[in-house]
Amino acid sequence: MCMVIFAPIFAICAFATCGGYYGHLQVKVDCAGRRPSNLSIDIDFGYPFRLIDVHFKAPLCEAKREEIIFLDGDFSSASQFFLTVGVFAFLYSLLATIVYIFYQNNYLKNNRGPLVDFVVTSIFSFMWLVSSCCWAKSLSDIKTATNPTQVLLLISACRAHENKCTATQEPLWSRPNTSVVFGFVNVVLWVGNIWFVFKETGWYKTGQRYPTRSASGKRHSEMRQRLYSGSSFEHPDEGFGPQLSRQGSFNQQVNRQVSFNESQVSLSLPHAYLGKPVIYDRDNKVASQGPMIIVNEM
């Protein structure tokens, strides 16, 4: 959940630092033979870094004329691709955060939500990696193309040794460098989020329901079986001797129990004989005698 919350924030930081950049370069041309020739030239560029459209005017020291100079390079494709990935990643991560918080039951229903989320997250992870690498390479080329030394070589007056050309201000690269860092942070964030999304899919749950035995577990069971077979068959006297003695004592106990049961069964019940009952009158004389019960004690 923390990755889902931080994904929109880092996506905003990535495309904001890239799309909102403007660089400024200033050079000065001092022509030989012209005393008041302190001429400053301002060169501005920025997103989408289509440098072939950036131009400035430079003086020609031989005559009172100026020339129009264009910078070299077109790096708009890499920067626009990076910014597009950042914007769409921000929108999707924001939508995913809303679904995770308010529509959790619908998200897990029929396992469709986790599968779609897993596929989209994998695609964005790959897109972040490609766009960040392309933007990092293009930024390196932009720094080379806007290097003051490289820009001064484009001016005709600066190619003459008698003229003096210097750079008075160089562009700052902190914001585009930060955008590259945020790009690779998004790569790590989205790649790590693949695992958490995969745990919600049916593929992970199926693997947890039917786990497979690892190679180490198989080796452990084979080793235990070997130890058992070695102790049982290689040393029969030690392996089966105690077992046979215990088996013999157990058989003796069983025989004693059986004999004791037979002795109890052989005891017969006392024999009883029925006779006629005896009836007494008021003077305790026998009036009549019925069946009698005689117990023959053992």
C-alpha atoms as a PDB file:
ATOM      1  CA  MET A   1       0.000   0.000   0.000  1.00  0.00           C
ATOM      2  CA  CYS A   2       2.884   2.386   0.692  1.00  0.00           C
ATOM      3  CA  MET A   3       4.203   1.877  -2.831  1.00  0.00           C
ATOM      4  CA  VAL A   4       0.785   2.686  -4.249  1.00  0.00           C
ATOM      5  CA  ILE A   5       0.684   5.929  -2.239  1.00  0.00           C
ATOM      6  CA  PHE A   6       4.205   7.033  -3.219  1.00  0.00           C
ATOM      7  CA  ALA A   7       3.887   6.148  -6.926  1.00  0.00           C
ATOM      8  CA  PRO A   8       1.811   9.243  -7.888  1.00  0.00           C
ATOM      9  CA  ILE A   9       4.150  11.520  -5.911  1.00  0.00           C
ATOM     10  CA  PHE A  10       7.314  10.285  -7.595  1.00  0.00           C
ATOM     11  CA  ALA A  11       5.628  10.337 -11.016  1.00  0.00           C
ATOM     12  CA  ILE A  12       4.716  14.015 -10.538  1.00  0.00           C
ATOM     13  CA  CYS A  13       8.255  14.837  -9.461  1.00  0.00           C
ATOM     14  CA  ALA A  14       9.674  13.067 -12.519  1.00  0.00           C
ATOM     15  CA  PHE A  15       7.678  14.766 -15.256  1.00  0.00           C
ATOM     16  CA  ALA A  16       7.496  18.139 -13.483  1.00  0.00           C
ATOM     17  CA  THR A  17      11.271  18.494 -13.217  1.00  0.00           C
ATOM     18  CA  CYS A  18      11.649  17.474 -16.850  1.00  0.00           C
ATOM     19  CA  GLY A  19       8.842  19.445 -18.480  1.00  0.00           C
ATOM     20  CA  GLY A  20       9.348  22.651 -16.526  1.00  0.00           C
ATOM     21  CA  TYR A  21      13.017  23.190 -17.303  1.00  0.00           C
ATOM     22  CA  TYR A  22      14.425  26.266 -19.047  1.00  0.00           C
ATOM     23  CA  GLY A  23      18.135  26.832 -19.537  1.00  0.00           C
ATOM     24  CA  HIS A  24      19.957  30.075 -20.065  1.00  0.00           C
ATOM     25  CA  LEU A  25      23.384  30.540 -21.601  1.00  0.00           C
ATOM     26  CA  GLN A  26      25.207  33.846 -22.035  1.00  0.00           C
ATOM     27  CA  VAL A  27      28.372  34.472 -24.032  1.00  0.00           C
ATOM     28  CA  LYS A  28      30.383  37.624 -24.736  1.00  0.00           C
ATOM     29  CA  VAL A  29      32.220  38.486 -27.959  1.00  0.00           C
ATOM     30  CA  ASP A  30      35.040  41.049 -27.997  1.00  0.00           C
ATOM     31  CA  CYS A  31      36.123  41.913 -31.529  1.00  0.00           C
ATOM     32  CA  ALA A  32      39.695  43.046 -32.099  1.00  0.00           C
ATOM     33  CA  GLY A  33      39.936  46.636 -33.389  1.00  0.00           C
ATOM     34  CA  ARG A  34      36.555  47.613 -31.904  1.00  0.00           C
ATOM     35  CA  ARG A  35      36.949  49.147 -28.481  1.00  0.00           C
ATOM     36  CA  PRO A  36      33.287  49.257 -27.460  1.00  0.00           C
ATOM     37  CA  SER A  37      32.679  45.644 -28.516  1.00  0.00           C
ATOM     38  CA  ASN A  38      31.493  44.193 -25.234  1.00  0.00           C
ATOM     39  CA  LEU A  39      28.586  42.317 -26.802  1.00  0.00           C
ATOM     40  CA  SER A  40      26.599  39.826 -24.701  1.00  0.00           C
ATOM     41  CA  ILE A  41      24.561  37.126 -26.391  1.00  0.00           C
ATOM     42  CA  ASP A  42      21.709  35.404 -24.535  1.00  0.00           C
ATOM     43  CA  ILE A  43      20.695  31.894 -25.547  1.00  0.00           C
ATOM     44  CA  ASP A  44      17.544  30.350 -24.034  1.00  0.00           C
ATOM     45  CA  PHE A  45      16.347  26.774 -24.488  1.00  0.00           C
ATOM     46  CA  GLY A  46      14.115  24.304 -22.669  1.00  0.00           C
ATOM     47  CA  TYR A  47      11.569  21.521 -22.994  1.00  0.00           C
ATOM     48  CA  PRO A  48      11.064  19.756 -25.427  1.00  0.00           C
ATOM     49  CA  PHE A  49      14.764  20.393 -26.169  1.00  0.00           C
ATOM     50  CA  ARG A  50      14.388  20.798 -29.895  1.00  0.00           C
ATOM     51  CA  LEU A  51      17.679  22.666 -30.186  1.00  0.00           C
ATOM     52  CA  ILE A  52      17.599  22.945 -33.962  1.00  0.00           C
ATOM     53  CA  ASP A  53      14.873  25.552 -33.482  1.00  0.00           C
ATOM     54  CA  VAL A  54      16.915  27.595 -30.984  1.00  0.00           C
ATOM     55  CA  HIS A  55      18.752  30.435 -32.665  1.00  0.00           C
ATOM     56  CA  PHE A  56      20.571  33.621 -31.700  1.00  0.00           C
ATOM     57  CA  LYS A  57      22.345  36.509 -33.414  1.00  0.00           C
ATOM     58  CA  ALA A  58      26.130  36.914 -33.248  1.00  0.00           C
ATOM     59  CA  PRO A  59      28.173  39.856 -34.582  1.00  0.00           C
ATOM     60  CA  LEU A  60      30.583  39.634 -37.486  1.00  0.00           C
ATOM     61  CA  CYS A  61      33.702  41.487 -36.515  1.00  0.00           C
ATOM     62  CA  GLU A  62      34.782  42.165 -40.126  1.00  0.00           C
ATOM     63  CA  ALA A  63      31.715  44.259 -40.839  1.00  0.00           C
ATOM     64  CA  LYS A  64      28.856  45.815 -38.972  1.00  0.00           C
ATOM     65  CA  ARG A  65      26.628  42.860 -39.611  1.00  0.00           C
ATOM     66  CA  GLU A  66      25.169  39.944 -37.625  1.00  0.00           C
ATOM     67  CA  GLU A  67      24.692  36.306 -38.386  1.00  0.00           C
ATOM     68  CA  ILE A  68      21.937  33.943 -37.224  1.00  0.00           C
ATOM     69  CA  ILE A  69      23.203  30.753 -35.629  1.00  0.00           C
ATOM     70  CA  PHE A  70      21.180  27.637 -34.749  1.00  0.00           C
ATOM     71  CA  LEU A  71      22.112  25.072 -32.132  1.00  0.00           C
ATOM     72  CA  ASP A  72      22.627  21.435 -33.054  1.00  0.00           C
ATOM     73  CA  GLY A  73      20.460  18.463 -32.026  1.00  0.00           C
ATOM     74  CA  ASP A  74      16.840  17.435 -31.619  1.00  0.00           C
ATOM     75  CA  PHE A  75      16.162  15.633 -28.337  1.00  0.00           C
ATOM     76  CA  SER A  76      12.421  16.134 -28.192  1.00  0.00           C
ATOM     77  CA  SER A  77      11.509  12.465 -28.677  1.00  0.00           C
ATOM     78  CA  ALA A  78      13.279  11.231 -25.543  1.00  0.00           C
ATOM     79  CA  SER A  79      12.050  14.065 -23.322  1.00  0.00           C
ATOM     80  CA  GLN A  80       8.464  13.809 -24.555  1.00  0.00           C
ATOM     81  CA  PHE A  81       8.482  10.052 -24.159  1.00  0.00           C
ATOM     82  CA  PHE A  82       9.741  10.395 -20.583  1.00  0.00           C
ATOM     83  CA  LEU A  83       7.117  13.004 -19.755  1.00  0.00           C
ATOM     84  CA  THR A  84       4.310  10.963 -21.360  1.00  0.00           C
ATOM     85  CA  VAL A  85       5.215   7.872 -19.347  1.00  0.00           C
ATOM     86  CA  GLY A  86       5.271   9.973 -16.195  1.00  0.00           C
ATOM     87  CA  VAL A  87       1.843  11.485 -16.827  1.00  0.00           C
ATOM     88  CA  PHE A  88       0.156   8.179 -17.630  1.00  0.00           C
ATOM     89  CA  ALA A  89       1.869   6.462 -14.709  1.00  0.00           C
ATOM     90  CA  PHE A  90       0.581   9.201 -12.426  1.00  0.00           C
ATOM     91  CA  LEU A  91      -2.990   8.806 -13.703  1.00  0.00           C
ATOM     92  CA  TYR A  92      -2.942   5.021 -13.416  1.00  0.00           C
ATOM     93  CA  SER A  93      -1.375   4.983  -9.957  1.00  0.00           C
ATOM     94  CA  LEU A  94      -3.947   7.523  -8.785  1.00  0.00           C
ATOM     95  CA  LEU A  95      -6.764   5.379 -10.173  1.00  0.00           C
ATOM     96  CA  ALA A  96      -5.261   2.244  -8.616  1.00  0.00           C
ATOM     97  CA  THR A  97      -5.038   3.955  -5.232  1.00  0.00           C
ATOM     98  CA  ILE A  98      -8.743   4.839  -5.360  1.00  0.00           C
ATOM     99  CA  VAL A  99      -9.649   1.274  -6.332  1.00  0.00           C
ATOM    100  CA  TYR A 100      -7.509  -0.256  -3.570  1.00  0.00           C
ATOM    101  CA  ILE A 101      -9.091   1.941  -0.912  1.00  0.00           C
ATOM    102  CA  PHE A 102     -12.766   2.155  -1.906  1.00  0.00           C
ATOM    103  CA  TYR A 103     -13.394  -0.817  -4.251  1.00  0.00           C
ATOM    104  CA  GLN A 104     -11.340  -3.617  -2.712  1.00  0.00           C
ATOM    105  CA  ASN A 105     -14.105  -6.244  -3.024  1.00  0.00           C
ATOM    106  CA  ASN A 106     -14.745  -5.484  -6.690  1.00  0.00           C
ATOM    107  CA  TYR A 107     -11.003  -5.489  -7.311  1.00  0.00           C
ATOM    108  CA  LEU A 108     -10.606  -9.050  -5.978  1.00  0.00           C
ATOM    109  CA  LYS A 109     -13.765 -10.369  -7.636  1.00  0.00           C
ATOM    110  CA  ASN A 110     -13.164 -13.152 -10.202  1.00  0.00           C
ATOM    111  CA  ASN A 111      -9.398 -12.476 -10.009  1.00  0.00           C
ATOM    112  CA  ARG A 112      -9.664 -10.106 -13.005  1.00  0.00           C
ATOM    113  CA  GLY A 113      -8.575  -6.985 -11.168  1.00  0.00           C
ATOM    114  CA  PRO A 114      -5.263  -8.405  -9.885  1.00  0.00           C
ATOM    115  CA  LEU A 115      -4.427  -9.904 -13.283  1.00  0.00           C
ATOM    116  CA  VAL A 116      -5.057  -6.617 -15.123  1.00  0.00           C
ATOM    117  CA  ASP A 117      -3.139  -4.738 -12.458  1.00  0.00           C
ATOM    118  CA  PHE A 118      -0.225  -7.167 -12.737  1.00  0.00           C
ATOM    119  CA  VAL A 119       0.007  -6.777 -16.517  1.00  0.00           C
ATOM    120  CA  VAL A 120      -0.284  -2.963 -16.444  1.00  0.00           C
ATOM    121  CA  THR A 121       2.249  -2.667 -13.614  1.00  0.00           C
ATOM    122  CA  SER A 122       4.726  -4.813 -15.544  1.00  0.00           C
ATOM    123  CA  ILE A 123       4.256  -2.651 -18.653  1.00  0.00           C
ATOM    124  CA  PHE A 124       4.784   0.578 -16.735  1.00  0.00           C
ATOM    125  CA  SER A 125       7.892  -0.860 -15.070  1.00  0.00           C
ATOM    126  CA  PHE A 126       9.374  -1.604 -18.474  1.00  0.00           C
ATOM    127  CA  MET A 127       8.325   1.782 -19.856  1.00  0.00           C
ATOM    128  CA  TRP A 128       9.875   3.604 -16.909  1.00  0.00           C
ATOM    129  CA  LEU A 129      13.146   1.747 -17.451  1.00  0.00           C
ATOM    130  CA  VAL A 130      13.282   2.498 -21.190  1.00  0.00           C
ATOM    131  CA  SER A 131      12.215   6.133 -20.879  1.00  0.00           C
ATOM    132  CA  SER A 132      14.623   6.833 -18.009  1.00  0.00           C
ATOM    133  CA  CYS A 133      17.568   5.368 -19.916  1.00  0.00           C
ATOM    134  CA  CYS A 134      16.667   7.299 -23.082  1.00  0.00           C
ATOM    135  CA  TRP A 135      16.212  10.542 -21.180  1.00  0.00           C
ATOM    136  CA  ALA A 136      19.509  10.103 -19.321  1.00  0.00           C
ATOM    137  CA  LYS A 137      21.354   9.594 -22.625  1.00  0.00           C
ATOM    138  CA  SER A 138      19.584  12.542 -24.269  1.00  0.00           C
ATOM    139  CA  LEU A 139      20.324  14.794 -21.311  1.00  0.00           C
ATOM    140  CA  SER A 140      24.003  13.975 -21.661  1.00  0.00           C
ATOM    141  CA  ASP A 141      23.830  14.953 -25.347  1.00  0.00           C
ATOM    142  CA  ILE A 142      21.972  18.179 -24.492  1.00  0.00           C
ATOM    143  CA  LYS A 143      24.708  19.154 -22.064  1.00  0.00           C
ATOM    144  CA  THR A 144      27.278  18.582 -24.805  1.00  0.00           C
ATOM    145  CA  ALA A 145      25.320  20.577 -27.385  1.00  0.00           C
ATOM    146  CA  THR A 146      24.816  23.527 -25.032  1.00  0.00           C
ATOM    147  CA  ASN A 147      28.332  23.489 -23.661  1.00  0.00           C
ATOM    148  CA  PRO A 148      29.739  27.047 -23.861  1.00  0.00           C
ATOM    149  CA  THR A 149      32.865  25.813 -25.636  1.00  0.00           C
ATOM    150  CA  GLN A 150      30.744  24.060 -28.267  1.00  0.00           C
ATOM    151  CA  VAL A 151      28.482  27.095 -28.713  1.00  0.00           C
ATOM    152  CA  LEU A 152      31.413  29.495 -29.139  1.00  0.00           C
ATOM    153  CA  LEU A 153      32.758  27.328 -31.953  1.00  0.00           C
ATOM    154  CA  LEU A 154      29.540  27.966 -33.872  1.00  0.00           C
ATOM    155  CA  ILE A 155      30.195  31.739 -33.914  1.00  0.00           C
ATOM    156  CA  SER A 156      32.331  32.865 -36.839  1.00  0.00           C
ATOM    157  CA  ALA A 157      33.925  35.731 -34.927  1.00  0.00           C
ATOM    158  CA  CYS A 158      35.055  33.380 -32.180  1.00  0.00           C
ATOM    159  CA  ARG A 159      36.919  31.174 -34.635  1.00  0.00           C
ATOM    160  CA  ALA A 160      39.304  34.018 -35.324  1.00  0.00           C
ATOM    161  CA  HIS A 161      42.239  34.097 -32.955  1.00  0.00           C
ATOM    162  CA  GLU A 162      42.341  37.902 -32.666  1.00  0.00           C
ATOM    163  CA  ASN A 163      38.843  38.036 -31.215  1.00  0.00           C
ATOM    164  CA  LYS A 164      38.080  37.147 -27.626  1.00  0.00           C
ATOM    165  CA  CYS A 165      34.967  35.133 -26.724  1.00  0.00           C
ATOM    166  CA  THR A 166      33.998  34.022 -23.228  1.00  0.00           C
ATOM    167  CA  ALA A 167      30.989  32.471 -21.492  1.00  0.00           C
ATOM    168  CA  THR A 168      29.577  34.684 -18.762  1.00  0.00           C
ATOM    169  CA  GLN A 169      26.749  32.408 -17.631  1.00  0.00           C
ATOM    170  CA  GLU A 170      26.193  28.665 -17.953  1.00  0.00           C
ATOM    171  CA  PRO A 171      22.919  26.753 -17.664  1.00  0.00           C
ATOM    172  CA  LEU A 172      22.019  24.964 -14.420  1.00  0.00           C
ATOM    173  CA  TRP A 173      21.353  21.253 -14.690  1.00  0.00           C
ATOM    174  CA  SER A 174      20.028  20.472 -11.228  1.00  0.00           C
ATOM    175  CA  ARG A 175      16.395  20.070 -12.309  1.00  0.00           C
ATOM    176  CA  PRO A 176      16.980  17.751 -15.296  1.00  0.00           C
ATOM    177  CA  ASN A 177      19.456  15.725 -13.261  1.00  0.00           C
ATOM    178  CA  THR A 178      16.785  15.371 -10.570  1.00  0.00           C
ATOM    179  CA  SER A 179      14.273  14.211 -13.180  1.00  0.00           C
ATOM    180  CA  VAL A 180      16.627  11.400 -14.208  1.00  0.00           C
ATOM    181  CA  VAL A 181      17.000  10.352 -10.566  1.00  0.00           C
ATOM    182  CA  PHE A 182      13.225  10.354 -10.091  1.00  0.00           C
ATOM    183  CA  GLY A 183      12.887   8.295 -13.264  1.00  0.00           C
ATOM    184  CA  PHE A 184      15.050   5.488 -11.927  1.00  0.00           C
ATOM    185  CA  VAL A 185      13.362   5.745  -8.518  1.00  0.00           C
ATOM    186  CA  ASN A 186      10.074   5.096 -10.313  1.00  0.00           C
ATOM    187  CA  VAL A 187      11.661   2.069 -11.975  1.00  0.00           C
ATOM    188  CA  VAL A 188      12.561   0.597  -8.584  1.00  0.00           C
ATOM    189  CA  LEU A 189       9.153   1.507  -7.169  1.00  0.00           C
ATOM    190  CA  TRP A 190       7.136  -0.078  -9.963  1.00  0.00           C
ATOM    191  CA  VAL A 191       9.325  -3.186 -10.214  1.00  0.00           C
ATOM    192  CA  GLY A 192       8.925  -3.722  -6.474  1.00  0.00           C
ATOM    193  CA  ASN A 193       5.176  -3.237  -6.803  1.00  0.00           C
ATOM    194  CA  ILE A 194       5.035  -6.159  -9.265  1.00  0.00           C
ATOM    195  CA  TRP A 195       5.634  -8.601  -6.397  1.00  0.00           C
ATOM    196  CA  PHE A 196       2.845  -7.183  -4.246  1.00  0.00           C
ATOM    197  CA  VAL A 197       0.407  -7.252  -7.172  1.00  0.00           C
ATOM    198  CA  PHE A 198       1.473 -10.799  -8.047  1.00  0.00           C
ATOM    199  CA  LYS A 199       0.580 -11.961  -4.529  1.00  0.00           C
ATOM    200  CA  GLU A 200      -3.032 -10.928  -5.180  1.00  0.00           C
ATOM    201  CA  THR A 201      -3.338 -12.980  -8.364  1.00  0.00           C
ATOM    202  CA  GLY A 202      -4.579 -16.549  -8.611  1.00  0.00           C
ATOM    203  CA  TRP A 203      -1.182 -17.735  -9.830  1.00  0.00           C
ATOM    204  CA  TYR A 204       0.449 -17.046  -6.464  1.00  0.00           C
ATOM    205  CA  LYS A 205      -2.468 -18.516  -4.501  1.00  0.00           C
ATOM    206  CA  THR A 206      -2.421 -21.685  -6.608  1.00  0.00           C
ATOM    207  CA  GLY A 207       1.282 -22.121  -5.943  1.00  0.00           C
ATOM    208  CA  GLN A 208       0.706 -21.692  -2.206  1.00  0.00           C
ATOM    209  CA  ARG A 209      -2.116 -24.238  -2.221  1.00  0.00           C
ATOM    210  CA  TYR A 210      -0.041 -26.930  -3.931  1.00  0.00           C
ATOM    211  CA  PRO A 211       3.570 -26.394  -2.819  1.00  0.00           C
ATOM    212  CA  THR A 212       6.300 -28.364  -4.532  1.00  0.00           C
ATOM    213  CA  ARG A 213       9.158 -30.093  -2.759  1.00  0.00           C
ATOM    214  CA  SER A 214      12.414 -28.253  -3.081  1.00  0.00           C
ATOM    215  CA  ALA A 215      15.675 -29.871  -4.075  1.00  0.00           C
ATOM    216  CA  SER A 216      17.040 -29.476  -0.549  1.00  0.00           C
ATOM    217  CA  GLY A 217      14.010 -31.267   0.879  1.00  0.00           C
ATOM    218  CA  LYS A 218      14.480 -34.131  -1.546  1.00  0.00           C
ATOM    219  CA  ARG A 219      18.152 -34.435  -0.650  1.00  0.00           C
ATOM    220  CA  HIS A 220      17.269 -34.421   3.047  1.00  0.00           C
ATOM    221  CA  SER A 221      14.736 -37.242   2.634  1.00  0.00           C
ATOM    222  CA  GLU A 222      17.177 -39.292   0.536  1.00  0.00           C
ATOM    223  CA  MET A 223      19.915 -38.868   3.141  1.00  0.00           C
ATOM    224  CA  ARG A 224      17.587 -39.891   5.938  1.00  0.00           C
ATOM    225  CA  GLN A 225      16.510 -42.969   3.978  1.00  0.00           C
ATOM    226  CA  ARG A 226      20.143 -43.930   3.408  1.00  0.00           C
ATOM    227  CA  LEU A 227      20.958 -43.601   7.086  1.00  0.00           C
ATOM    228  CA  TYR A 228      17.984 -45.740   8.024  1.00  0.00           C
ATOM    229  CA  SER A 229      18.799 -48.432   5.489  1.00  0.00           C
ATOM    230  CA  GLY A 230      22.459 -48.482   6.547  1.00  0.00           C
ATOM    231  CA  SER A 231      21.656 -48.884  10.237  1.00  0.00           C
ATOM    232  CA  SER A 232      19.098 -51.635   9.572  1.00  0.00           C
ATOM    233  CA  PHE A 233      20.747 -53.865   7.000  1.00  0.00           C
ATOM    234  CA  GLU A 234      24.486 -53.350   7.422  1.00  0.00           C
ATOM    235  CA  HIS A 235      24.330 -54.157  11.175  1.00  0.00           C
ATOM    236  CA  PRO A 236      21.578 -56.737  11.608  1.00  0.00           C
ATOM    237  CA  ASP A 237      22.731 -57.762  15.099  1.00  0.00           C
ATOM    238  CA  GLU A 238      22.518 -54.218  16.356  1.00  0.00           C
ATOM    239  CA  GLY A 239      19.443 -53.297  14.366  1.00  0.00           C
ATOM    240  CA  PHE A 240      17.239 -56.329  14.917  1.00  0.00           C
ATOM    241  CA  GLY A 241      18.625 -57.753  18.189  1.00  0.00           C
ATOM    242  CA  PRO A 242      16.826 -55.353  20.536  1.00  0.00           C
ATOM    243  CA  GLN A 243      13.737 -55.542  18.387  1.00  0.00           C
ATOM    244  CA  LEU A 244      13.652 -59.369  18.590  1.00  0.00           C
ATOM    245  CA  SER A 245      14.144 -59.317  22.371  1.00  0.00           C
ATOM    246  CA  ARG A 246      11.360 -56.812  22.775  1.00  0.00           C
ATOM    247  CA  GLN A 247       9.189 -58.940  20.481  1.00  0.00           C
ATOM    248  CA  GLY A 248       9.873 -62.028  22.631  1.00  0.00           C
ATOM    249  CA  SER A 249       9.014 -60.284  25.887  1.00  0.00           C
ATOM    250  CA  PHE A 250       5.851 -58.983  24.321  1.00  0.00           C
ATOM    251  CA  ASN A 251       4.859 -62.522  23.236  1.00  0.00           C
ATOM    252  CA  GLN A 252       5.450 -63.806  26.768  1.00  0.00           C
ATOM    253  CA  GLN A 253       3.205 -61.129  28.205  1.00  0.00           C
ATOM    254  CA  VAL A 254       0.522 -62.029  25.679  1.00  0.00           C
ATOM    255  CA  ASN A 255       0.771 -65.736  26.584  1.00  0.00           C
ATOM    256  CA  ARG A 256       0.460 -64.942  30.287  1.00  0.00           C
ATOM    257  CA  GLN A 257      -2.594 -62.829  29.665  1.00  0.00           C
ATOM    258  CA  VAL A 258      -4.202 -65.560  27.583  1.00  0.00           C
ATOM    259  CA  SER A 259      -3.525 -68.217  30.225  1.00  0.00           C
ATOM    260  CA  PHE A 260      -4.931 -65.961  32.930  1.00  0.00           C
ATOM    261  CA  ASN A 261      -8.076 -65.422  30.873  1.00  0.00           C
ATOM    262  CA  GLU A 262      -8.449 -69.165  30.319  1.00  0.00           C
ATOM    263  CA  SER A 263      -8.155 -69.795  34.063  1.00  0.00           C
ATOM    264  CA  GLN A 264     -10.865 -67.266  34.700  1.00  0.00           C
ATOM    265  CA  VAL A 265     -13.048 -68.784  32.012  1.00  0.00           C
ATOM    266  CA  SER A 266     -12.541 -72.328  33.449  1.00  0.00           C
ATOM    267  CA  LEU A 267     -14.072 -71.267  36.805  1.00  0.00           C
ATOM    268  CA  SER A 268     -17.660 -72.351  36.723  1.00  0.00           C
ATOM    269  CA  LEU A 269     -20.495 -70.697  38.539  1.00  0.00           C
ATOM    270  CA  PRO A 270     -21.912 -72.324  41.706  1.00  0.00           C
ATOM    271  CA  HIS A 271     -24.450 -75.029  40.944  1.00  0.00           C
ATOM    272  CA  ALA A 272     -27.912 -74.193  42.050  1.00  0.00           C
ATOM    273  CA  TYR A 273     -30.711 -76.695  42.573  1.00  0.00           C
ATOM    274  CA  LEU A 274     -34.283 -75.637  42.786  1.00  0.00           C
ATOM    275  CA  GLY A 275     -36.452 -77.123  45.533  1.00  0.00           C
ATOM    276  CA  LYS A 276     -39.919 -76.480  46.918  1.00  0.00           C
ATOM    277  CA  PRO A 277     -40.497 -73.321  48.972  1.00  0.00           C
ATOM    278  CA  VAL A 278     -41.120 -73.719  52.722  1.00  0.00           C
ATOM    279  CA  ILE A 279     -44.191 -72.076  54.231  1.00  0.00           C
ATOM    280  CA  TYR A 280     -44.443 -71.517  58.024  1.00  0.00           C
ATOM    281  CA  ASP A 281     -47.602 -70.933  60.028  1.00  0.00           C
ATOM    282  CA  ARG A 282     -48.082 -68.712  63.088  1.00  0.00           C
ATOM    283  CA  ASP A 283     -46.439 -71.232  65.411  1.00  0.00           C
ATOM    284  CA  ASN A 284     -43.318 -71.421  63.186  1.00  0.00           C
ATOM    285  CA  LYS A 285     -44.207 -74.878  62.040  1.00  0.00           C
ATOM    286  CA  VAL A 286     -43.716 -76.044  58.513  1.00  0.00           C
ATOM    287  CA  ALA A 287     -47.037 -75.928  56.773  1.00  0.00           C
ATOM    288  CA  SER A 288     -45.867 -76.764  53.243  1.00  0.00           C
ATOM    289  CA  GLN A 289     -42.573 -77.067  51.453  1.00  0.00           C
ATOM    290  CA  GLY A 290     -42.063 -75.912  47.880  1.00  0.00           C
ATOM    291  CA  PRO A 291     -39.015 -75.935  45.527  1.00  0.00           C
ATOM    292  CA  MET A 292     -35.752 -75.457  47.323  1.00  0.00           C
ATOM    293  CA  ILE A 293     -32.562 -73.724  46.115  1.00  0.00           C
ATOM    294  CA  ILE A 294     -29.373 -75.492  47.088  1.00  0.00           C
ATOM    295  CA  VAL A 295     -26.068 -73.837  46.344  1.00  0.00           C
ATOM    296  CA  ASN A 296     -23.144 -76.090  45.834  1.00  0.00           C
ATOM    297  CA  GLU A 297     -20.144 -74.050  46.902  1.00  0.00           C
ATOM    298  CA  MET A 298     -16.891 -74.691  45.081  1.00  0.00           C
END
